[in-house]
Amino acid sequence: MIRFTFKVNNSFLNGGTHPLTVPKTQVDYLKLERDGYVGPATIVTPTGMRMRGQVYSGTAGYGPYYQIRVESKSADPLKRLVLGETLLVEMQRVDGQTVISLAQKGRAV
């Protein structure tokens, strides 16, 4: 299992795929590749709704990065999160699939 915290930002709230960059300061990027996390994923929102998504890998000017992207729905519970709120992100491999759970941990002061 991989765990990290994420502070909800504007691109997450307003981006069509709710891009959530996996912080290399908290996560071993080699483990993401080695353990098969990259590719299709099931995202479990704080309300318990399951959404399709993926763990995407790319390269920017500063080097490799990983991002979680979610297929948005019309009744998208992720749009109800608050800017600055902290999420606990847990990534697991379950029966050969990547499952990512997002849990609300608190709001910014």
N, C-alpha and C. Protein backbone atom coordinates (compact mmCIF):
# COMPACT_ATOMS: atom_id res chain seq x y z
N MET A 1 0.84 -1.18 0.00
CA MET A 1 0.00 0.00 0.00
C MET A 1 0.89 1.24 0.00
N ILE A 2 0.41 2.25 -0.69
CA ILE A 2 1.10 3.54 -0.73
C ILE A 2 0.14 4.57 -0.14
N ARG A 3 0.66 5.40 0.76
CA ARG A 3 -0.15 6.45 1.39
C ARG A 3 0.57 7.79 1.28
N PHE A 4 -0.22 8.84 1.05
CA PHE A 4 0.32 10.19 1.09
C PHE A 4 -0.82 11.16 1.29
N THR A 5 -0.46 12.38 1.66
CA THR A 5 -1.47 13.43 1.82
C THR A 5 -1.41 14.36 0.62
N PHE A 6 -2.56 14.96 0.33
CA PHE A 6 -2.69 15.88 -0.79
C PHE A 6 -3.56 17.04 -0.38
N LYS A 7 -3.09 18.26 -0.60
CA LYS A 7 -3.89 19.44 -0.31
C LYS A 7 -4.65 19.83 -1.58
N VAL A 8 -5.97 19.86 -1.49
CA VAL A 8 -6.83 20.17 -2.63
C VAL A 8 -6.46 21.56 -3.18
N ASN A 9 -6.16 21.59 -4.49
CA ASN A 9 -5.76 22.85 -5.13
C ASN A 9 -6.73 23.19 -6.27
N ASN A 10 -6.53 24.33 -6.89
CA ASN A 10 -7.43 24.79 -7.96
C ASN A 10 -7.47 23.83 -9.15
N SER A 11 -6.33 23.30 -9.55
CA SER A 11 -6.33 22.41 -10.71
C SER A 11 -7.10 21.12 -10.42
N PHE A 12 -7.04 20.65 -9.18
CA PHE A 12 -7.82 19.47 -8.81
C PHE A 12 -9.32 19.77 -8.85
N LEU A 13 -9.70 20.91 -8.29
CA LEU A 13 -11.12 21.25 -8.24
C LEU A 13 -11.69 21.58 -9.62
N ASN A 14 -10.93 22.30 -10.44
CA ASN A 14 -11.46 22.82 -11.70
C ASN A 14 -11.03 22.05 -12.94
N GLY A 15 -10.02 21.20 -12.81
CA GLY A 15 -9.56 20.41 -13.96
C GLY A 15 -10.56 19.33 -14.29
N GLY A 16 -10.76 19.07 -15.55
CA GLY A 16 -11.74 18.08 -15.99
C GLY A 16 -11.48 16.68 -15.49
N THR A 17 -10.22 16.33 -15.24
CA THR A 17 -9.88 14.99 -14.77
C THR A 17 -9.41 14.99 -13.32
N HIS A 18 -9.58 16.09 -12.62
CA HIS A 18 -9.13 16.22 -11.22
C HIS A 18 -7.69 15.73 -11.06
N PRO A 19 -6.75 16.33 -11.79
CA PRO A 19 -5.37 15.86 -11.71
C PRO A 19 -4.81 16.01 -10.29
N LEU A 20 -4.25 14.93 -9.80
CA LEU A 20 -3.69 14.89 -8.46
C LEU A 20 -2.27 14.34 -8.61
N THR A 21 -1.28 15.21 -8.48
CA THR A 21 0.11 14.80 -8.66
C THR A 21 0.59 14.05 -7.43
N VAL A 22 1.18 12.88 -7.66
CA VAL A 22 1.73 12.07 -6.57
C VAL A 22 3.05 12.72 -6.15
N PRO A 23 3.17 13.14 -4.88
CA PRO A 23 4.37 13.86 -4.45
C PRO A 23 5.58 12.94 -4.29
N LYS A 24 6.65 13.24 -5.03
CA LYS A 24 7.84 12.40 -4.93
C LYS A 24 8.52 12.54 -3.57
N THR A 25 8.15 13.59 -2.82
CA THR A 25 8.69 13.74 -1.46
C THR A 25 8.06 12.73 -0.49
N GLN A 26 6.90 12.17 -0.85
CA GLN A 26 6.22 11.22 0.03
C GLN A 26 6.15 9.80 -0.52
N VAL A 27 6.39 9.65 -1.82
CA VAL A 27 6.18 8.35 -2.47
C VAL A 27 7.41 7.95 -3.27
N ASP A 28 7.77 6.68 -3.16
CA ASP A 28 8.87 6.11 -3.93
C ASP A 28 8.35 5.81 -5.35
N TYR A 29 8.74 6.63 -6.31
CA TYR A 29 8.25 6.47 -7.68
C TYR A 29 8.62 5.10 -8.27
N LEU A 30 9.75 4.54 -7.88
CA LEU A 30 10.14 3.23 -8.40
C LEU A 30 9.13 2.17 -7.96
N LYS A 31 8.58 2.30 -6.75
CA LYS A 31 7.58 1.36 -6.24
C LYS A 31 6.30 1.42 -7.08
N LEU A 32 5.90 2.62 -7.52
CA LEU A 32 4.71 2.74 -8.36
C LEU A 32 4.84 1.89 -9.62
N GLU A 33 5.98 1.97 -10.27
CA GLU A 33 6.22 1.20 -11.49
C GLU A 33 6.38 -0.29 -11.17
N ARG A 34 7.24 -0.57 -10.22
CA ARG A 34 7.57 -1.97 -9.89
C ARG A 34 6.35 -2.77 -9.46
N ASP A 35 5.47 -2.16 -8.67
CA ASP A 35 4.32 -2.88 -8.12
C ASP A 35 3.07 -2.79 -8.99
N GLY A 36 3.18 -2.18 -10.18
CA GLY A 36 2.09 -2.19 -11.15
C GLY A 36 0.97 -1.20 -10.91
N TYR A 37 1.26 -0.07 -10.26
CA TYR A 37 0.22 0.92 -10.00
C TYR A 37 -0.13 1.77 -11.21
N VAL A 38 0.77 1.88 -12.17
CA VAL A 38 0.55 2.75 -13.33
C VAL A 38 -0.44 2.10 -14.29
N GLY A 39 -1.45 2.88 -14.71
CA GLY A 39 -2.46 2.38 -15.63
C GLY A 39 -3.85 2.59 -15.06
N PRO A 40 -4.84 1.82 -15.54
CA PRO A 40 -6.22 2.00 -15.10
C PRO A 40 -6.36 1.82 -13.58
N ALA A 41 -7.31 2.58 -13.00
CA ALA A 41 -7.51 2.52 -11.55
C ALA A 41 -8.97 2.78 -11.23
N THR A 42 -9.39 2.28 -10.07
CA THR A 42 -10.69 2.62 -9.52
C THR A 42 -10.45 3.63 -8.42
N ILE A 43 -11.16 4.76 -8.48
CA ILE A 43 -11.03 5.81 -7.48
C ILE A 43 -12.25 5.75 -6.57
N VAL A 44 -12.04 5.67 -5.26
CA VAL A 44 -13.13 5.68 -4.30
C VAL A 44 -13.13 7.04 -3.63
N THR A 45 -14.19 7.81 -3.85
CA THR A 45 -14.28 9.18 -3.33
C THR A 45 -14.58 9.17 -1.83
N PRO A 46 -14.44 10.33 -1.17
CA PRO A 46 -14.78 10.39 0.26
C PRO A 46 -16.23 10.00 0.56
N THR A 47 -17.12 10.12 -0.42
CA THR A 47 -18.53 9.74 -0.21
C THR A 47 -18.77 8.26 -0.48
N GLY A 48 -17.74 7.55 -0.95
CA GLY A 48 -17.87 6.13 -1.24
C GLY A 48 -18.18 5.81 -2.69
N MET A 49 -18.39 6.83 -3.52
CA MET A 49 -18.66 6.61 -4.94
C MET A 49 -17.40 6.08 -5.61
N ARG A 50 -17.59 5.11 -6.49
CA ARG A 50 -16.47 4.57 -7.27
C ARG A 50 -16.48 5.22 -8.65
N MET A 51 -15.29 5.67 -9.05
CA MET A 51 -15.14 6.32 -10.35
C MET A 51 -13.96 5.69 -11.08
N ARG A 52 -14.02 5.72 -12.41
CA ARG A 52 -12.89 5.24 -13.19
C ARG A 52 -11.80 6.29 -13.24
N GLY A 53 -10.57 5.82 -13.27
CA GLY A 53 -9.45 6.74 -13.38
C GLY A 53 -8.21 6.01 -13.85
N GLN A 54 -7.09 6.68 -13.71
CA GLN A 54 -5.83 6.07 -14.08
C GLN A 54 -4.69 6.74 -13.33
N VAL A 55 -3.60 5.99 -13.21
CA VAL A 55 -2.35 6.55 -12.72
C VAL A 55 -1.51 6.76 -13.97
N TYR A 56 -1.20 8.01 -14.24
CA TYR A 56 -0.53 8.44 -15.46
C TYR A 56 0.92 8.77 -15.13
N SER A 57 1.83 8.44 -16.03
CA SER A 57 3.23 8.84 -15.84
C SER A 57 3.64 9.75 -16.99
N GLY A 58 4.45 10.73 -16.66
CA GLY A 58 4.92 11.66 -17.67
C GLY A 58 6.27 12.23 -17.27
N THR A 59 6.80 13.08 -18.13
CA THR A 59 8.08 13.74 -17.86
C THR A 59 7.91 15.23 -18.13
N ALA A 60 8.36 16.04 -17.19
CA ALA A 60 8.33 17.49 -17.33
C ALA A 60 9.78 17.98 -17.28
N GLY A 61 9.97 19.28 -17.32
CA GLY A 61 11.30 19.85 -17.29
C GLY A 61 12.10 19.46 -16.06
N TYR A 62 11.40 19.17 -14.96
CA TYR A 62 12.07 18.80 -13.71
C TYR A 62 12.21 17.30 -13.55
N GLY A 63 11.75 16.51 -14.53
CA GLY A 63 11.90 15.07 -14.47
C GLY A 63 10.58 14.33 -14.47
N PRO A 64 10.62 13.04 -14.13
CA PRO A 64 9.40 12.23 -14.18
C PRO A 64 8.40 12.63 -13.10
N TYR A 65 7.13 12.40 -13.41
CA TYR A 65 6.08 12.64 -12.42
C TYR A 65 4.97 11.63 -12.64
N TYR A 66 4.15 11.46 -11.61
CA TYR A 66 2.98 10.58 -11.67
C TYR A 66 1.77 11.38 -11.24
N GLN A 67 0.67 11.11 -11.89
CA GLN A 67 -0.55 11.84 -11.60
C GLN A 67 -1.72 10.86 -11.60
N ILE A 68 -2.65 11.09 -10.68
CA ILE A 68 -3.90 10.35 -10.66
C ILE A 68 -4.90 11.22 -11.40
N ARG A 69 -5.62 10.63 -12.34
CA ARG A 69 -6.64 11.35 -13.10
C ARG A 69 -7.95 10.58 -12.99
N VAL A 70 -9.05 11.32 -12.89
CA VAL A 70 -10.36 10.71 -12.67
C VAL A 70 -11.30 11.10 -13.80
N GLU A 71 -12.08 10.12 -14.29
CA GLU A 71 -13.11 10.41 -15.29
C GLU A 71 -14.27 11.08 -14.58
N SER A 72 -14.51 12.32 -14.88
CA SER A 72 -15.55 13.10 -14.21
C SER A 72 -16.95 12.63 -14.60
N LYS A 73 -17.87 12.73 -13.67
CA LYS A 73 -19.28 12.38 -13.90
C LYS A 73 -20.12 13.63 -13.66
N SER A 74 -21.37 13.59 -14.10
CA SER A 74 -22.25 14.75 -13.89
C SER A 74 -22.49 15.00 -12.40
N ALA A 75 -22.65 13.94 -11.62
CA ALA A 75 -22.84 14.08 -10.16
C ALA A 75 -21.49 13.80 -9.50
N ASP A 76 -20.53 14.64 -9.76
CA ASP A 76 -19.15 14.43 -9.33
C ASP A 76 -18.93 14.91 -7.89
N PRO A 77 -18.77 14.00 -6.93
CA PRO A 77 -18.59 14.41 -5.54
C PRO A 77 -17.25 15.11 -5.28
N LEU A 78 -16.29 14.95 -6.17
CA LEU A 78 -14.99 15.60 -5.98
C LEU A 78 -15.08 17.11 -6.15
N LYS A 79 -16.09 17.59 -6.87
CA LYS A 79 -16.26 19.03 -7.05
C LYS A 79 -16.76 19.71 -5.77
N ARG A 80 -17.22 18.91 -4.81
CA ARG A 80 -17.71 19.48 -3.55
C ARG A 80 -16.63 19.62 -2.49
N LEU A 81 -15.43 19.17 -2.81
CA LEU A 81 -14.32 19.34 -1.86
C LEU A 81 -13.95 20.82 -1.80
N VAL A 82 -13.24 21.20 -0.76
CA VAL A 82 -12.93 22.60 -0.51
C VAL A 82 -11.45 22.87 -0.76
N LEU A 83 -11.17 24.00 -1.41
CA LEU A 83 -9.79 24.43 -1.65
C LEU A 83 -9.02 24.44 -0.33
N GLY A 84 -7.86 23.81 -0.30
CA GLY A 84 -7.02 23.77 0.89
C GLY A 84 -7.28 22.60 1.81
N GLU A 85 -8.35 21.88 1.57
CA GLU A 85 -8.68 20.70 2.38
C GLU A 85 -7.61 19.62 2.14
N THR A 86 -7.29 18.86 3.17
CA THR A 86 -6.29 17.81 3.06
C THR A 86 -6.96 16.45 2.88
N LEU A 87 -6.50 15.71 1.89
CA LEU A 87 -6.97 14.36 1.64
C LEU A 87 -5.88 13.36 1.99
N LEU A 88 -6.29 12.23 2.55
CA LEU A 88 -5.39 11.10 2.71
C LEU A 88 -5.65 10.21 1.50
N VAL A 89 -4.60 9.93 0.74
CA VAL A 89 -4.70 9.12 -0.46
C VAL A 89 -4.06 7.77 -0.16
N GLU A 90 -4.81 6.69 -0.39
CA GLU A 90 -4.29 5.33 -0.19
C GLU A 90 -4.43 4.57 -1.49
N MET A 91 -3.31 4.06 -1.97
CA MET A 91 -3.28 3.30 -3.21
C MET A 91 -2.97 1.85 -2.87
N GLN A 92 -3.79 0.92 -3.39
CA GLN A 92 -3.59 -0.49 -3.13
C GLN A 92 -3.74 -1.27 -4.43
N ARG A 93 -3.10 -2.42 -4.47
CA ARG A 93 -3.32 -3.37 -5.56
C ARG A 93 -4.22 -4.45 -5.00
N VAL A 94 -5.41 -4.60 -5.57
CA VAL A 94 -6.40 -5.57 -5.10
C VAL A 94 -6.80 -6.45 -6.28
N ASP A 95 -6.54 -7.74 -6.19
CA ASP A 95 -6.87 -8.68 -7.26
C ASP A 95 -6.38 -8.19 -8.62
N GLY A 96 -5.16 -7.70 -8.66
CA GLY A 96 -4.56 -7.26 -9.91
C GLY A 96 -5.01 -5.89 -10.40
N GLN A 97 -5.80 -5.19 -9.61
CA GLN A 97 -6.30 -3.87 -9.98
C GLN A 97 -5.78 -2.81 -9.00
N THR A 98 -5.64 -1.58 -9.49
CA THR A 98 -5.26 -0.47 -8.62
C THR A 98 -6.53 0.18 -8.09
N VAL A 99 -6.62 0.29 -6.76
CA VAL A 99 -7.74 0.95 -6.11
C VAL A 99 -7.17 2.10 -5.29
N ILE A 100 -7.71 3.30 -5.52
CA ILE A 100 -7.23 4.51 -4.85
C ILE A 100 -8.37 5.09 -4.04
N SER A 101 -8.17 5.18 -2.73
CA SER A 101 -9.18 5.75 -1.83
C SER A 101 -8.78 7.15 -1.41
N LEU A 102 -9.74 8.06 -1.48
CA LEU A 102 -9.54 9.45 -1.06
C LEU A 102 -10.37 9.68 0.19
N ALA A 103 -9.73 10.09 1.28
CA ALA A 103 -10.45 10.34 2.53
C ALA A 103 -10.17 11.76 2.99
N GLN A 104 -11.20 12.45 3.43
CA GLN A 104 -11.04 13.83 3.93
C GLN A 104 -10.38 13.79 5.29
N LYS A 105 -9.34 14.62 5.45
CA LYS A 105 -8.62 14.68 6.71
C LYS A 105 -8.80 16.01 7.42
N GLY A 106 -9.14 17.05 6.72
CA GLY A 106 -9.30 18.35 7.37
C GLY A 106 -9.27 19.49 6.39
N ARG A 107 -9.62 20.64 6.85
CA ARG A 107 -9.65 21.82 6.02
C ARG A 107 -8.54 22.77 6.42
N ALA A 108 -8.09 23.57 5.49
CA ALA A 108 -7.05 24.57 5.78
C ALA A 108 -7.61 25.62 6.71
N VAL A 109 -6.74 26.20 7.50
CA VAL A 109 -7.16 27.24 8.45
C VAL A 109 -7.02 28.61 7.79
